[in-house]
Protein backbone atom coordinates (compact mmCIF):
# COMPACT_ATOMS: atom_id res chain seq x y z
CA MET A 1 0.22 -0.42 -0.23
CA THR A 2 3.01 2.08 0.53
CA SER A 3 4.12 1.64 -2.70
CA ILE A 4 0.16 2.72 -3.61
CA ALA A 5 0.73 6.24 -1.99
CA ARG A 6 3.42 7.09 -3.05
CA ARG A 7 2.87 6.84 -6.47
CA GLU A 8 -0.24 8.78 -6.22
CA PHE A 9 1.54 11.46 -4.20
CA VAL A 10 4.22 12.75 -7.55
CA ALA A 11 1.27 11.99 -9.96
CA TRP A 12 -0.53 14.13 -8.40
CA GLN A 13 1.91 16.77 -7.35
CA ALA A 14 3.01 16.66 -11.37
CA GLY A 15 -0.22 16.81 -11.82
CA ILE A 16 -0.52 13.61 -13.90
CA VAL A 17 -2.75 11.11 -12.81
CA ASN A 18 -3.66 7.40 -14.37
CA PRO A 19 -7.37 7.70 -13.62
CA ASP A 20 -7.82 3.70 -14.38
CA HIS A 21 -5.81 3.22 -10.57
CA TYR A 22 -9.82 4.70 -9.24
CA GLU A 23 -13.17 3.34 -9.05
CA PRO A 24 -15.38 4.98 -10.79
CA ALA A 25 -17.18 7.50 -8.46
CA ALA A 26 -14.41 8.87 -7.49
CA ARG A 27 -12.85 9.37 -11.31
CA ALA A 28 -15.45 12.63 -11.74
CA ASN A 29 -13.37 14.34 -9.50
CA LEU A 30 -10.13 13.32 -11.76
CA THR A 31 -10.65 17.20 -13.66
CA PRO A 32 -8.18 19.56 -15.72
CA GLU A 33 -9.07 22.23 -12.98
CA LYS A 34 -8.53 20.11 -10.04
CA LEU A 35 -5.07 18.90 -10.85
CA ALA A 36 -3.92 21.66 -12.00
CA GLU A 37 -5.01 23.05 -8.04
CA THR A 38 -3.31 20.32 -6.68
CA ALA A 39 -0.33 20.03 -8.50
CA ARG A 40 0.23 23.76 -7.07
CA GLY A 41 -0.45 22.86 -4.17
CA LEU A 42 1.36 19.62 -3.85
CA GLY A 43 4.05 21.46 -5.15
CA SER A 44 4.75 24.46 -2.92
CA ALA A 45 5.97 21.87 -0.86
CA GLY A 46 9.07 20.96 -2.48
CA SER A 47 10.50 17.64 -3.77
CA PHE A 48 9.16 14.40 -2.63
CA GLU A 49 11.65 12.83 -0.45
CA SER A 50 10.11 10.04 2.20
CA SER A 51 6.43 8.82 3.73
CA GLN A 52 6.25 7.18 7.07
CA TRP A 53 2.92 4.53 7.63
CA ILE A 54 0.97 7.04 10.82
CA GLY A 55 -2.37 4.11 11.11
CA ALA A 56 -5.58 3.00 9.39
CA LEU A 57 -8.55 5.20 8.01
CA VAL A 58 -11.67 4.87 9.92
CA ILE A 59 -14.33 4.58 7.24
CA ASP A 60 -18.19 5.91 7.88
CA GLY A 61 -19.79 3.20 6.35
CA ALA A 62 -17.77 1.35 4.08
CA PRO A 63 -18.23 -1.96 2.67
CA PRO A 64 -16.90 -4.60 3.24
CA GLY A 65 -13.02 -5.13 1.96
CA ALA A 66 -12.85 -1.43 1.86
CA ASN A 67 -9.35 0.66 3.67
CA GLY A 68 -7.92 3.79 4.68
CA TYR A 69 -4.47 4.62 4.79
CA ILE A 70 -2.97 7.97 6.58
CA TYR A 71 0.38 8.90 5.17
CA LYS A 72 3.35 11.48 5.99
CA MET A 73 4.78 12.52 2.73
CA HIS A 74 8.13 14.65 3.93
CA CYS A 75 8.53 16.73 1.52
CA GLU A 76 11.70 19.38 1.38
CA ALA A 77 9.38 21.95 1.87
CA ARG A 78 6.96 20.79 4.36
CA ASP A 79 5.07 17.78 5.40
CA ILE A 80 1.63 16.83 3.79
CA TYR A 81 -0.44 14.51 5.34
CA GLU A 82 -2.47 11.49 2.66
CA GLU A 83 -5.29 9.78 3.26
CA LEU A 84 -6.22 7.07 0.93
CA ILE A 85 -9.23 5.17 0.82
CA VAL A 86 -9.41 2.36 -1.40
CA GLY A 87 -12.38 0.41 -1.77
CA PRO A 88 -13.19 -3.55 -1.99
CA SER A 89 -11.98 -3.36 -6.19
CA GLY A 90 -8.67 -2.21 -4.78
CA LYS A 91 -8.72 0.80 -6.39
CA ILE A 92 -8.34 4.05 -5.26
CA ALA A 93 -12.01 4.88 -4.02
CA GLY A 94 -10.59 8.85 -2.40
CA ILE A 95 -7.50 10.62 -1.87
CA ILE A 96 -7.08 13.97 0.43
CA PHE A 97 -4.18 16.27 1.69
CA LYS A 98 -3.96 17.73 4.16
CA ASP A 99 -1.39 20.03 5.82
CA ASN A 100 -2.22 18.28 9.24
CA LEU A 101 -3.90 15.53 10.57
CA SER A 102 -6.68 18.11 12.71
CA ASP A 103 -7.41 19.86 9.17
CA GLN A 104 -10.89 19.50 9.15
CA GLY A 105 -10.58 19.96 4.99
CA PRO A 106 -8.10 18.96 2.29
CA THR A 107 -5.17 21.59 1.58
CA ALA A 108 -5.59 19.56 -1.83
CA GLY A 109 -6.84 16.69 -4.44
CA PRO A 110 -11.09 15.45 -4.55
CA THR A 111 -12.97 14.57 -0.75
CA PRO A 112 -13.72 11.04 -1.41
CA THR A 113 -16.40 9.66 -2.77
CA PRO A 114 -19.08 8.50 -0.18
CA PHE A 115 -19.44 4.76 -0.38
CA GLN A 116 -23.15 3.87 -1.82
CA THR A 117 -24.83 1.53 0.23
CA PRO A 118 -26.85 -1.26 -1.89
């Protein structure tokens, strides 16, 4: 999972995200405007240097098989926290980047698509 978190962080920093890595519902958030905005925000942190797994992310209402992860991405100028939600299909259902864990909202990146219950 760490390699996926790193891959997506660097992709968002560059503004070049592969939509095939995302659940269909999350792909709607991958607009050129959102990619450019996020790349600017993450780019201001400087070059990616390393990552640190923080722990599991609790997801209310998630279907069986969905998992959430929190990583601290160490960059040249500052750290960014990445919250990554992976759906039962193994694809990304949501990703949020924050300046610190107490933030209520994302600094960049699309908000996760809520899981739909049947």
